[in-house]
C-alpha atoms as a PDB file:
ATOM      1  CA  MET A   1       0.000   0.000   0.000  1.00  0.00           C
ATOM      2  CA  VAL A   2       2.890   2.364   0.718  1.00  0.00           C
ATOM      3  CA  ARG A   3       4.372   1.703  -2.729  1.00  0.00           C
ATOM      4  CA  ALA A   4       0.975   2.120  -4.400  1.00  0.00           C
ATOM      5  CA  THR A   5       0.239   5.368  -2.552  1.00  0.00           C
ATOM      6  CA  ALA A   6       3.646   6.825  -3.390  1.00  0.00           C
ATOM      7  CA  TRP A   7       3.252   5.842  -7.042  1.00  0.00           C
ATOM      8  CA  LEU A   8      -0.201   7.438  -7.218  1.00  0.00           C
ATOM      9  CA  PHE A   9       0.883  10.644  -5.492  1.00  0.00           C
ATOM     10  CA  LEU A  10       4.046  11.192  -7.520  1.00  0.00           C
ATOM     11  CA  THR A  11       2.512  10.262 -10.870  1.00  0.00           C
ATOM     12  CA  PHE A  12      -0.527  12.484 -10.417  1.00  0.00           C
ATOM     13  CA  ALA A  13       1.692  15.362  -9.266  1.00  0.00           C
ATOM     14  CA  ARG A  14       3.707  15.046 -12.480  1.00  0.00           C
ATOM     15  CA  ALA A  15       0.521  14.614 -14.508  1.00  0.00           C
ATOM     16  CA  HIS A  16      -0.904  17.833 -13.062  1.00  0.00           C
ATOM     17  CA  ALA A  17       2.223  19.758 -13.989  1.00  0.00           C
ATOM     18  CA  TYR A  18       2.248  18.217 -17.467  1.00  0.00           C
ATOM     19  CA  PHE A  19      -1.399  18.942 -18.179  1.00  0.00           C
ATOM     20  CA  SER A  20      -0.987  22.541 -17.065  1.00  0.00           C
ATOM     21  CA  THR A  21       1.943  23.188 -19.394  1.00  0.00           C
ATOM     22  CA  ARG A  22       2.349  20.637 -22.177  1.00  0.00           C
ATOM     23  CA  ALA A  23      -0.807  18.566 -22.749  1.00  0.00           C
ATOM     24  CA  ILE A  24      -2.673  20.935 -25.089  1.00  0.00           C
ATOM     25  CA  PRO A  25       0.402  21.710 -27.263  1.00  0.00           C
ATOM     26  CA  ASP A  26       1.139  17.976 -27.448  1.00  0.00           C
ATOM     27  CA  LEU A  27      -2.248  17.432 -29.103  1.00  0.00           C
ATOM     28  CA  GLN A  28      -0.941  19.460 -32.081  1.00  0.00           C
ATOM     29  CA  LEU A  29      -4.315  21.079 -32.656  1.00  0.00           C
ATOM     30  CA  PRO A  30      -4.589  23.233 -35.775  1.00  0.00           C
ATOM     31  CA  HIS A  31      -6.504  25.803 -33.707  1.00  0.00           C
ATOM     32  CA  PRO A  32      -5.803  25.256 -29.971  1.00  0.00           C
ATOM     33  CA  GLU A  33      -7.887  28.275 -29.064  1.00  0.00           C
ATOM     34  CA  SER A  34     -10.986  26.474 -30.372  1.00  0.00           C
ATOM     35  CA  LEU A  35     -11.154  24.321 -27.226  1.00  0.00           C
ATOM     36  CA  SER A  36     -13.544  25.834 -24.714  1.00  0.00           C
ATOM     37  CA  SER A  37     -12.819  25.909 -20.982  1.00  0.00           C
ATOM     38  CA  GLY A  38     -15.484  23.220 -20.496  1.00  0.00           C
ATOM     39  CA  GLU A  39     -13.828  20.973 -23.078  1.00  0.00           C
ATOM     40  CA  LYS A  40     -10.482  21.411 -21.377  1.00  0.00           C
ATOM     41  CA  ARG A  41     -11.990  20.439 -18.016  1.00  0.00           C
ATOM     42  CA  ARG A  42     -13.523  17.291 -19.460  1.00  0.00           C
ATOM     43  CA  LEU A  43     -10.306  16.465 -21.292  1.00  0.00           C
ATOM     44  CA  LYS A  44      -8.478  16.790 -17.983  1.00  0.00           C
ATOM     45  CA  HIS A  45     -10.911  14.310 -16.420  1.00  0.00           C
ATOM     46  CA  TYR A  46     -10.245  11.755 -19.180  1.00  0.00           C
ATOM     47  CA  PHE A  47      -6.491  12.393 -18.989  1.00  0.00           C
ATOM     48  CA  TYR A  48      -6.453  11.709 -15.251  1.00  0.00           C
ATOM     49  CA  GLY A  49      -8.485   8.545 -15.821  1.00  0.00           C
ATOM     50  CA  GLY A  50      -5.906   7.386 -18.364  1.00  0.00           C
ATOM     51  CA  THR A  51      -3.134   8.295 -15.928  1.00  0.00           C
ATOM     52  CA  TYR A  52      -4.710   6.071 -13.270  1.00  0.00           C
ATOM     53  CA  LEU A  53      -4.720   3.146 -15.704  1.00  0.00           C
ATOM     54  CA  SER A  54      -1.141   3.934 -16.693  1.00  0.00           C
ATOM     55  CA  ILE A  55      -0.031   3.652 -13.064  1.00  0.00           C
ATOM     56  CA  ILE A  56      -1.402   0.095 -12.923  1.00  0.00           C
ATOM     57  CA  PHE A  57       0.316  -0.864 -16.184  1.00  0.00           C
ATOM     58  CA  SER A  58       3.568   0.690 -14.968  1.00  0.00           C
ATOM     59  CA  ALA A  59       3.387  -1.031 -11.576  1.00  0.00           C
ATOM     60  CA  LEU A  60       3.029  -4.400 -13.300  1.00  0.00           C
ATOM     61  CA  ARG A  61       6.050  -3.896 -15.559  1.00  0.00           C
ATOM     62  CA  GLY A  62       8.146  -2.190 -12.848  1.00  0.00           C
ATOM     63  CA  ARG A  63       8.878   1.192 -14.460  1.00  0.00           C
ATOM     64  CA  THR A  64       7.150   4.488 -15.046  1.00  0.00           C
ATOM     65  CA  ARG A  65       5.773   5.507 -18.414  1.00  0.00           C
ATOM     66  CA  THR A  66       8.058   7.140 -20.951  1.00  0.00           C
ATOM     67  CA  TRP A  67       7.538  10.580 -22.439  1.00  0.00           C
ATOM     68  CA  GLU A  68       6.364   8.951 -25.691  1.00  0.00           C
ATOM     69  CA  GLU A  69       3.800   6.860 -23.817  1.00  0.00           C
ATOM     70  CA  LYS A  70       2.509   9.931 -21.991  1.00  0.00           C
ATOM     71  CA  HIS A  71       2.183  11.723 -25.331  1.00  0.00           C
ATOM     72  CA  ARG A  72       0.209   8.831 -26.848  1.00  0.00           C
ATOM     73  CA  LEU A  73      -1.975   8.575 -23.747  1.00  0.00           C
ATOM     74  CA  THR A  74      -2.796  12.292 -23.941  1.00  0.00           C
ATOM     75  CA  ASN A  75      -4.019  11.890 -27.509  1.00  0.00           C
ATOM     76  CA  LEU A  76      -5.950   8.739 -26.587  1.00  0.00           C
ATOM     77  CA  ALA A  77      -7.646  10.522 -23.675  1.00  0.00           C
ATOM     78  CA  ALA A  78      -8.648  13.322 -26.063  1.00  0.00           C
ATOM     79  CA  LEU A  79      -9.881  10.772 -28.609  1.00  0.00           C
ATOM     80  CA  ALA A  80     -11.972   8.990 -25.953  1.00  0.00           C
ATOM     81  CA  TYR A  81     -13.540  12.243 -24.797  1.00  0.00           C
ATOM     82  CA  PHE A  82     -14.419  13.609 -28.219  1.00  0.00           C
ATOM     83  CA  PHE A  83     -15.543  10.215 -29.516  1.00  0.00           C
ATOM     84  CA  ASP A  84     -17.880   9.709 -26.533  1.00  0.00           C
ATOM     85  CA  ASP A  85     -19.467  13.094 -27.201  1.00  0.00           C
ATOM     86  CA  LEU A  86     -19.696  12.341 -30.908  1.00  0.00           C
ATOM     87  CA  VAL A  87     -21.556   9.067 -30.264  1.00  0.00           C
ATOM     88  CA  ASP A  88     -23.948  10.704 -27.796  1.00  0.00           C
ATOM     89  CA  SER A  89     -24.831  13.529 -30.167  1.00  0.00           C
ATOM     90  CA  PHE A  90     -25.028  11.412 -33.345  1.00  0.00           C
ATOM     91  CA  ARG A  91     -26.972   8.435 -31.962  1.00  0.00           C
ATOM     92  CA  HIS A  92     -30.362  10.183 -32.086  1.00  0.00           C
ATOM     93  CA  ARG A  93     -29.897  11.778 -35.510  1.00  0.00           C
ATOM     94  CA  ASP A  94     -28.199   8.932 -37.380  1.00  0.00           C
ATOM     95  CA  ASP A  95     -30.424   8.294 -40.392  1.00  0.00           C
ATOM     96  CA  THR A  96     -27.716   6.730 -42.577  1.00  0.00           C
ATOM     97  CA  GLY A  97     -28.989   3.182 -42.082  1.00  0.00           C
ATOM     98  CA  ILE A  98     -25.374   2.025 -41.802  1.00  0.00           C
ATOM     99  CA  LEU A  99     -24.343  -0.661 -39.334  1.00  0.00           C
ATOM    100  CA  TRP A 100     -21.163   0.912 -38.029  1.00  0.00           C
ATOM    101  CA  ARG A 101     -18.529  -1.781 -37.567  1.00  0.00           C
ATOM    102  CA  ASP A 102     -14.738  -1.450 -37.767  1.00  0.00           C
ATOM    103  CA  ASN A 103     -14.990   1.907 -39.553  1.00  0.00           C
ATOM    104  CA  PRO A 104     -14.356   4.752 -37.077  1.00  0.00           C
ATOM    105  CA  GLU A 105     -12.914   7.045 -39.751  1.00  0.00           C
ATOM    106  CA  GLU A 106     -16.096   6.860 -41.856  1.00  0.00           C
ATOM    107  CA  TYR A 107     -18.187   7.288 -38.727  1.00  0.00           C
ATOM    108  CA  GLY A 108     -16.295  10.451 -37.784  1.00  0.00           C
ATOM    109  CA  LEU A 109     -17.004  11.941 -41.215  1.00  0.00           C
ATOM    110  CA  ALA A 110     -20.691  10.950 -41.209  1.00  0.00           C
ATOM    111  CA  ALA A 111     -21.235  12.250 -37.690  1.00  0.00           C
ATOM    112  CA  ASP A 112     -20.416  15.744 -38.952  1.00  0.00           C
ATOM    113  CA  ASP A 113     -17.597  16.417 -36.529  1.00  0.00           C
ATOM    114  CA  HIS A 114     -16.913  19.730 -38.251  1.00  0.00           C
ATOM    115  CA  ARG A 115     -13.642  20.269 -36.422  1.00  0.00           C
ATOM    116  CA  ARG A 116     -12.585  16.682 -37.189  1.00  0.00           C
ATOM    117  CA  LEU A 117     -10.910  16.532 -33.785  1.00  0.00           C
ATOM    118  CA  ALA A 118     -11.610  12.852 -33.097  1.00  0.00           C
ATOM    119  CA  LEU A 119      -9.987  11.923 -36.417  1.00  0.00           C
ATOM    120  CA  HIS A 120      -7.104  14.291 -35.689  1.00  0.00           C
ATOM    121  CA  PHE A 121      -6.323  12.563 -32.377  1.00  0.00           C
ATOM    122  CA  LEU A 122      -6.713   9.126 -33.952  1.00  0.00           C
ATOM    123  CA  HIS A 123      -4.217   9.942 -36.691  1.00  0.00           C
ATOM    124  CA  ASN A 124      -1.800  11.352 -34.101  1.00  0.00           C
ATOM    125  CA  ILE A 125      -1.863   7.997 -32.322  1.00  0.00           C
ATOM    126  CA  TYR A 126      -1.414   6.057 -35.566  1.00  0.00           C
ATOM    127  CA  LEU A 127       1.692   8.100 -36.373  1.00  0.00           C
ATOM    128  CA  GLU A 128       3.267   7.661 -32.934  1.00  0.00           C
ATOM    129  CA  LEU A 129       2.576   3.990 -32.220  1.00  0.00           C
ATOM    130  CA  PRO A 130       5.394   1.478 -32.773  1.00  0.00           C
ATOM    131  CA  LYS A 131       4.651  -0.601 -35.877  1.00  0.00           C
ATOM    132  CA  ASN A 132       4.189  -3.799 -33.894  1.00  0.00           C
ATOM    133  CA  HIS A 133       1.505  -2.087 -31.769  1.00  0.00           C
ATOM    134  CA  LEU A 134      -0.588  -0.682 -34.594  1.00  0.00           C
ATOM    135  CA  GLU A 135      -2.568  -3.798 -35.521  1.00  0.00           C
ATOM    136  CA  ALA A 136      -3.289  -4.686 -31.872  1.00  0.00           C
ATOM    137  CA  PHE A 137      -4.387  -1.114 -31.186  1.00  0.00           C
ATOM    138  CA  LYS A 138      -6.744  -1.056 -34.191  1.00  0.00           C
ATOM    139  CA  ASN A 139      -8.288  -4.417 -33.339  1.00  0.00           C
ATOM    140  CA  THR A 140      -8.958  -3.331 -29.767  1.00  0.00           C
ATOM    141  CA  MET A 141     -10.236   0.080 -30.861  1.00  0.00           C
ATOM    142  CA  HIS A 142     -12.676  -1.581 -33.270  1.00  0.00           C
ATOM    143  CA  ARG A 143     -14.113  -3.705 -30.446  1.00  0.00           C
ATOM    144  CA  VAL A 144     -14.671  -0.568 -28.345  1.00  0.00           C
ATOM    145  CA  PHE A 145     -16.072   1.307 -31.342  1.00  0.00           C
ATOM    146  CA  ASN A 146     -18.496  -1.486 -32.261  1.00  0.00           C
ATOM    147  CA  VAL A 147     -20.011  -1.795 -28.786  1.00  0.00           C
ATOM    148  CA  GLU A 148     -20.300   1.984 -28.355  1.00  0.00           C
ATOM    149  CA  THR A 149     -21.961   2.688 -31.697  1.00  0.00           C
ATOM    150  CA  ALA A 150     -24.325  -0.309 -31.525  1.00  0.00           C
ATOM    151  CA  GLY A 151     -26.336   1.518 -28.840  1.00  0.00           C
ATOM    152  CA  ARG A 152     -27.554  -1.742 -27.331  1.00  0.00           C
ATOM    153  CA  GLN A 153     -27.804  -0.276 -23.819  1.00  0.00           C
ATOM    154  CA  GLN A 154     -30.451   2.162 -25.045  1.00  0.00           C
ATOM    155  CA  SER A 155     -32.429  -0.512 -26.908  1.00  0.00           C
ATOM    156  CA  PRO A 156     -35.895  -1.531 -25.618  1.00  0.00           C
ATOM    157  CA  ASP A 157     -35.137  -5.054 -26.894  1.00  0.00           C
ATOM    158  CA  LEU A 158     -32.331  -5.521 -24.374  1.00  0.00           C
ATOM    159  CA  ALA A 159     -33.908  -7.899 -21.899  1.00  0.00           C
ATOM    160  CA  ARG A 160     -31.517 -10.628 -20.830  1.00  0.00           C
ATOM    161  CA  PRO A 161     -29.231  -9.866 -17.857  1.00  0.00           C
ATOM    162  CA  GLU A 162     -26.429 -11.914 -19.440  1.00  0.00           C
ATOM    163  CA  GLU A 163     -26.517  -9.649 -22.496  1.00  0.00           C
ATOM    164  CA  ILE A 164     -26.056  -6.563 -20.326  1.00  0.00           C
ATOM    165  CA  GLU A 165     -23.235  -8.363 -18.521  1.00  0.00           C
ATOM    166  CA  HIS A 166     -21.577  -9.133 -21.867  1.00  0.00           C
ATOM    167  CA  ILE A 167     -21.790  -5.483 -22.939  1.00  0.00           C
ATOM    168  CA  THR A 168     -20.272  -4.431 -19.610  1.00  0.00           C
ATOM    169  CA  ARG A 169     -17.296  -6.722 -20.125  1.00  0.00           C
ATOM    170  CA  GLU A 170     -16.807  -5.762 -23.769  1.00  0.00           C
ATOM    171  CA  LYS A 171     -17.066  -2.048 -23.108  1.00  0.00           C
ATOM    172  CA  GLY A 172     -15.019  -1.887 -19.918  1.00  0.00           C
ATOM    173  CA  GLY A 173     -12.472  -4.568 -20.688  1.00  0.00           C
ATOM    174  CA  ASN A 174     -11.583  -3.411 -24.170  1.00  0.00           C
ATOM    175  CA  SER A 175     -11.464   0.247 -23.100  1.00  0.00           C
ATOM    176  CA  VAL A 176      -8.768  -0.642 -20.555  1.00  0.00           C
ATOM    177  CA  LEU A 177      -6.939  -2.775 -23.138  1.00  0.00           C
ATOM    178  CA  LEU A 178      -7.014   0.135 -25.584  1.00  0.00           C
ATOM    179  CA  PHE A 179      -5.117   2.333 -23.115  1.00  0.00           C
ATOM    180  CA  ARG A 180      -2.728  -0.560 -22.475  1.00  0.00           C
ATOM    181  CA  MET A 181      -1.903  -0.769 -26.203  1.00  0.00           C
ATOM    182  CA  VAL A 182      -0.214   2.659 -26.175  1.00  0.00           C
ATOM    183  CA  HIS A 183       2.258   1.360 -23.565  1.00  0.00           C
ATOM    184  CA  GLU A 184       5.202  -0.922 -24.293  1.00  0.00           C
ATOM    185  CA  PRO A 185       5.696  -3.819 -24.573  1.00  0.00           C
ATOM    186  CA  LEU A 186       2.565  -5.487 -25.922  1.00  0.00           C
ATOM    187  CA  PRO A 187       0.711  -7.378 -23.170  1.00  0.00           C
ATOM    188  CA  SER A 188       0.954 -11.132 -22.825  1.00  0.00           C
ATOM    189  CA  LEU A 189      -2.187 -13.225 -23.171  1.00  0.00           C
ATOM    190  CA  ALA A 190      -2.349 -13.606 -19.377  1.00  0.00           C
ATOM    191  CA  GLU A 191      -2.116  -9.833 -18.907  1.00  0.00           C
ATOM    192  CA  GLU A 192      -4.821  -9.265 -21.520  1.00  0.00           C
ATOM    193  CA  GLN A 193      -7.160 -11.605 -19.659  1.00  0.00           C
ATOM    194  CA  ALA A 194      -6.375  -9.867 -16.360  1.00  0.00           C
ATOM    195  CA  LEU A 195      -7.035  -6.436 -17.849  1.00  0.00           C
ATOM    196  CA  LEU A 196     -10.352  -7.622 -19.309  1.00  0.00           C
ATOM    197  CA  GLU A 197     -11.396  -8.615 -15.796  1.00  0.00           C
ATOM    198  CA  PHE A 198     -10.126  -5.303 -14.446  1.00  0.00           C
ATOM    199  CA  GLY A 199     -11.934  -3.388 -17.179  1.00  0.00           C
ATOM    200  CA  GLN A 200     -15.196  -5.080 -16.235  1.00  0.00           C
ATOM    201  CA  LEU A 201     -14.560  -4.018 -12.631  1.00  0.00           C
ATOM    202  CA  ILE A 202     -13.894  -0.429 -13.695  1.00  0.00           C
ATOM    203  CA  GLN A 203     -17.119  -0.447 -15.702  1.00  0.00           C
ATOM    204  CA  TYR A 204     -18.988  -1.665 -12.620  1.00  0.00           C
ATOM    205  CA  CYS A 205     -17.460   1.222 -10.650  1.00  0.00           C
ATOM    206  CA  ASP A 206     -18.560   3.769 -13.270  1.00  0.00           C
ATOM    207  CA  ASP A 207     -22.038   2.272 -13.597  1.00  0.00           C
ATOM    208  CA  ILE A 208     -22.604   2.113  -9.837  1.00  0.00           C
ATOM    209  CA  PHE A 209     -21.762   5.793  -9.437  1.00  0.00           C
ATOM    210  CA  ASP A 210     -23.756   6.742 -12.567  1.00  0.00           C
ATOM    211  CA  VAL A 211     -27.071   5.081 -11.697  1.00  0.00           C
ATOM    212  CA  TRP A 212     -28.951   8.391 -11.542  1.00  0.00           C
ATOM    213  CA  PHE A 213     -27.412   9.668 -14.803  1.00  0.00           C
ATOM    214  CA  ASP A 214     -28.046   6.375 -16.632  1.00  0.00           C
ATOM    215  CA  LEU A 215     -31.670   6.322 -15.508  1.00  0.00           C
ATOM    216  CA  GLN A 216     -32.142   9.822 -16.907  1.00  0.00           C
ATOM    217  CA  SER A 217     -30.653   8.800 -20.274  1.00  0.00           C
ATOM    218  CA  GLN A 218     -32.526   5.463 -20.264  1.00  0.00           C
ATOM    219  CA  THR A 219     -29.257   3.542 -20.402  1.00  0.00           C
ATOM    220  CA  ARG A 220     -29.462   0.043 -18.971  1.00  0.00           C
ATOM    221  CA  THR A 221     -26.575  -1.339 -16.964  1.00  0.00           C
ATOM    222  CA  VAL A 222     -26.183  -4.116 -14.440  1.00  0.00           C
ATOM    223  CA  ALA A 223     -26.205  -1.438 -11.726  1.00  0.00           C
ATOM    224  CA  THR A 224     -29.392   0.312 -12.888  1.00  0.00           C
ATOM    225  CA  ASP A 225     -31.276  -2.985 -13.161  1.00  0.00           C
ATOM    226  CA  MET A 226     -30.269  -4.163  -9.694  1.00  0.00           C
ATOM    227  CA  VAL A 227     -30.781  -0.810  -7.964  1.00  0.00           C
ATOM    228  CA  VAL A 228     -34.232  -0.389  -9.541  1.00  0.00           C
ATOM    229  CA  GLN A 229     -35.140  -3.882  -8.299  1.00  0.00           C
ATOM    230  CA  GLY A 230     -33.831  -3.056  -4.822  1.00  0.00           C
ATOM    231  CA  GLN A 231     -31.048  -5.647  -5.071  1.00  0.00           C
ATOM    232  CA  ILE A 232     -28.400  -3.548  -3.343  1.00  0.00           C
ATOM    233  CA  ARG A 233     -26.976  -6.441  -1.332  1.00  0.00           C
ATOM    234  CA  GLU A 234     -26.798  -8.609  -4.443  1.00  0.00           C
ATOM    235  CA  LEU A 235     -25.099  -5.801  -6.380  1.00  0.00           C
ATOM    236  CA  ARG A 236     -22.466  -5.519  -3.676  1.00  0.00           C
ATOM    237  CA  ALA A 237     -21.898  -9.272  -3.727  1.00  0.00           C
ATOM    238  CA  LEU A 238     -21.494  -9.165  -7.516  1.00  0.00           C
ATOM    239  CA  PHE A 239     -19.040  -6.291  -7.216  1.00  0.00           C
ATOM    240  CA  GLU A 240     -16.951  -8.031  -4.549  1.00  0.00           C
ATOM    241  CA  GLN A 241     -16.957 -11.211  -6.633  1.00  0.00           C
ATOM    242  CA  GLN A 242     -15.480  -9.241  -9.531  1.00  0.00           C
ATOM    243  CA  VAL A 243     -12.825  -7.771  -7.226  1.00  0.00           C
ATOM    244  CA  ALA A 244     -11.822 -11.336  -6.332  1.00  0.00           C
ATOM    245  CA  ARG A 245     -11.740 -12.319 -10.029  1.00  0.00           C
ATOM    246  CA  VAL A 246      -9.418  -9.402 -10.766  1.00  0.00           C
ATOM    247  CA  ARG A 247      -7.043 -10.425  -7.992  1.00  0.00           C
ATOM    248  CA  SER A 248      -6.966 -14.016  -9.184  1.00  0.00           C
ATOM    249  CA  ALA A 249      -6.309 -12.948 -12.789  1.00  0.00           C
ATOM    250  CA  PHE A 250      -3.549 -10.503 -11.810  1.00  0.00           C
ATOM    251  CA  LEU A 251      -1.733 -13.196  -9.854  1.00  0.00           C
ATOM    252  CA  LYS A 252      -1.577 -15.292 -13.048  1.00  0.00           C
ATOM    253  CA  ILE A 253       0.165 -12.610 -15.124  1.00  0.00           C
ATOM    254  CA  GLY A 254       3.617 -13.935 -14.322  1.00  0.00           C
ATOM    255  CA  GLN A 255       5.181 -10.751 -12.930  1.00  0.00           C
ATOM    256  CA  PRO A 256       7.029 -10.650  -9.567  1.00  0.00           C
ATOM    257  CA  ARG A 257       4.595 -10.825  -6.652  1.00  0.00           C
ATOM    258  CA  TYR A 258       5.529  -7.393  -5.240  1.00  0.00           C
ATOM    259  CA  ARG A 259       4.678  -5.730  -8.571  1.00  0.00           C
ATOM    260  CA  VAL A 260       1.329  -7.485  -8.772  1.00  0.00           C
ATOM    261  CA  GLU A 261       0.469  -6.596  -5.169  1.00  0.00           C
ATOM    262  CA  THR A 262       1.379  -2.938  -5.795  1.00  0.00           C
ATOM    263  CA  ALA A 263      -0.871  -2.851  -8.857  1.00  0.00           C
ATOM    264  CA  LEU A 264      -3.695  -4.482  -6.891  1.00  0.00           C
ATOM    265  CA  ARG A 265      -3.367  -1.853  -4.169  1.00  0.00           C
ATOM    266  CA  VAL A 266      -3.735   0.844  -6.813  1.00  0.00           C
ATOM    267  CA  VAL A 267      -6.898  -0.965  -7.934  1.00  0.00           C
ATOM    268  CA  HIS A 268      -8.025  -1.009  -4.291  1.00  0.00           C
ATOM    269  CA  TYR A 269      -8.290   2.792  -4.297  1.00  0.00           C
ATOM    270  CA  ILE A 270     -11.099   2.772  -6.857  1.00  0.00           C
ATOM    271  CA  THR A 271     -12.867  -0.205  -5.257  1.00  0.00           C
ATOM    272  CA  ALA A 272     -12.795   1.500  -1.839  1.00  0.00           C
ATOM    273  CA  ILE A 273     -14.494   4.579  -3.307  1.00  0.00           C
ATOM    274  CA  THR A 274     -17.148   2.407  -4.978  1.00  0.00           C
ATOM    275  CA  LEU A 275     -17.889   0.593  -1.716  1.00  0.00           C
ATOM    276  CA  VAL A 276     -18.722   4.004  -0.220  1.00  0.00           C
ATOM    277  CA  CYS A 277     -21.284   4.471  -2.999  1.00  0.00           C
ATOM    278  CA  LEU A 278     -22.782   1.025  -2.363  1.00  0.00           C
ATOM    279  CA  ASP A 279     -23.024   1.841   1.359  1.00  0.00           C
ATOM    280  CA  HIS A 280     -24.908   5.008   0.421  1.00  0.00           C
ATOM    281  CA  TYR A 281     -27.436   3.053  -1.661  1.00  0.00           C
ATOM    282  CA  ALA A 282     -27.902   0.597   1.223  1.00  0.00           C
ATOM    283  CA  ARG A 283     -28.662   3.489   3.603  1.00  0.00           C
ATOM    284  CA  LEU A 284     -31.208   4.914   1.162  1.00  0.00           C
ATOM    285  CA  GLN A 285     -32.878   1.529   0.934  1.00  0.00           C
ATOM    286  CA  ARG A 286     -33.229   1.417   4.726  1.00  0.00           C
ATOM    287  CA  GLN A 287     -34.471   5.007   4.983  1.00  0.00           C
ATOM    288  CA  TYR A 288     -37.135   4.998   2.256  1.00  0.00           C
ATOM    289  CA  PRO A 289     -39.961   2.611   1.371  1.00  0.00           C
ATOM    290  CA  GLU A 290     -38.798   2.925  -2.243  1.00  0.00           C
ATOM    291  CA  MET A 291     -35.413   4.006  -3.580  1.00  0.00           C
ATOM    292  CA  PRO A 292     -35.528   7.728  -4.519  1.00  0.00           C
ATOM    293  CA  LEU A 293     -34.261   6.863  -7.992  1.00  0.00           C
ATOM    294  CA  HIS A 294     -35.043  10.206  -9.616  1.00  0.00           C
ATOM    295  CA  ASP A 295     -33.876  12.460  -6.791  1.00  0.00           C
ATOM    296  CA  ARG A 296     -30.480  13.679  -7.919  1.00  0.00           C
ATOM    297  CA  LYS A 297     -29.521  15.140  -4.549  1.00  0.00           C
ATOM    298  CA  LYS A 298     -30.212  11.877  -2.720  1.00  0.00           C
ATOM    299  CA  MET A 299     -28.824   9.454  -5.302  1.00  0.00           C
ATOM    300  CA  ILE A 300     -25.521  11.047  -6.284  1.00  0.00           C
ATOM    301  CA  VAL A 301     -22.562  10.392  -3.995  1.00  0.00           C
ATOM    302  CA  ASP A 302     -20.326  13.458  -3.629  1.00  0.00           C
ATOM    303  CA  MET A 303     -16.765  12.333  -2.908  1.00  0.00           C
ATOM    304  CA  GLU A 304     -15.854  15.929  -2.054  1.00  0.00           C
ATOM    305  CA  ARG A 305     -17.692  15.496   1.250  1.00  0.00           C
ATOM    306  CA  TRP A 306     -15.392  14.544   4.116  1.00  0.00           C
ATOM    307  CA  LYS A 307     -17.836  11.924   5.355  1.00  0.00           C
ATOM    308  CA  ASN A 308     -17.419  10.006   2.104  1.00  0.00           C
ATOM    309  CA  ARG A 309     -13.677  10.559   2.013  1.00  0.00           C
ATOM    310  CA  TRP A 310     -13.316   9.113   5.506  1.00  0.00           C
ATOM    311  CA  GLY A 311     -15.436   6.171   4.414  1.00  0.00           C
ATOM    312  CA  ALA A 312     -13.089   5.493   1.497  1.00  0.00           C
ATOM    313  CA  ALA A 313     -10.063   5.843   3.806  1.00  0.00           C
ATOM    314  CA  TRP A 314     -11.609   3.251   6.140  1.00  0.00           C
ATOM    315  CA  TYR A 315     -12.004   0.749   3.315  1.00  0.00           C
ATOM    316  CA  LEU A 316      -8.418   1.395   2.216  1.00  0.00           C
ATOM    317  CA  VAL A 317      -7.198   0.468   5.692  1.00  0.00           C
ATOM    318  CA  VAL A 318      -9.422  -2.527   6.404  1.00  0.00           C
ATOM    319  CA  GLY A 319      -9.231  -3.907   2.847  1.00  0.00           C
END
C-alpha cells in the first residue's frame, strides 16, 4: 500500500504539472484556441483517468511511463472524450442506415464532426505507435467502437441480464486494453485476460456511481437494473466477486509478486471509493420505502464530502 500510494501521489503530481503546461500543445491542434474551458476540463478528467490506468500498467512492468507513452496517452484521452461526445450527439440523428462496424474514420465523417478533432487525435496515435503495436491497437479500438456505436444499452429489446453483462465486459475490458496498447511492450495473453477482468470491474465502478445519470438517459446497466429492483446487497456481492476475479487474474500474469500486489493496491483505491457508494445506496434503501431513484440530490454520492472521504479511507485500511 505504501508503494501504491507513493506511485499514485508522484505520478498524479507530475501529470498535473504536465497537463498545465504541455498537454494541449502535445495534441498538435490546428486551432488550440478552439477548445472551450469546459472541453479542457472534461479532457483533464479523461487524462487523469488514463493516468490512473497507466499507473497500474507501470506497476506491473516495474517502471514508469516514458515521455512517448505519456504523449500517446494524452491523444488517446482526447480521442476517448471527443468520440464519446460524438456518439452521444449522433446516436439520435443517425439516419444513414449504416451498421457501423470497424470503420471509425467513416463514422467520424458521417457524424459531422466539423472540427474533425476525433480523427485528428486518432491519426496522431497512428503516427506515434510502434509498428508492432498498430494492428493490436486497431483491433482493440474496433471492439470498443463497435459496442459503443451499436447503442444496445439504449435498446428496448435488451432484456436478458447476461446480455447486459456481456456489454459491460466488452465495453469496460476493451477500453482498458485500448489504453494498455499505447504502452510498451505489448501485453501477454495472461495480462490481456487480467485487464479484461479489471476493465469489467472499472465499468462496474462507473455504472454504480452513474445510476442516476443512466436512468435519466434510459441507459441500462447491471447497476441500474439491480438498484431499480432493490437488489443492493446482491449488487455488492457481484461487485466483490469481480474484485476477487481481478485479484486471481492478476496473480496469473507472471510478474514478480511485489509488482502485482502494488498494482492491486492501486486498484483497491477505486474499489474502496465504490464501496462508499454502495453503502450510500444501502442506507437509502433502509431510509425509504422505495429508492428515490429520480432524486439527484439523494442518489448522487459526492466524494468531495469529508464523510465520504473518511469512508473510502476506512475501506483502504481494512481492505
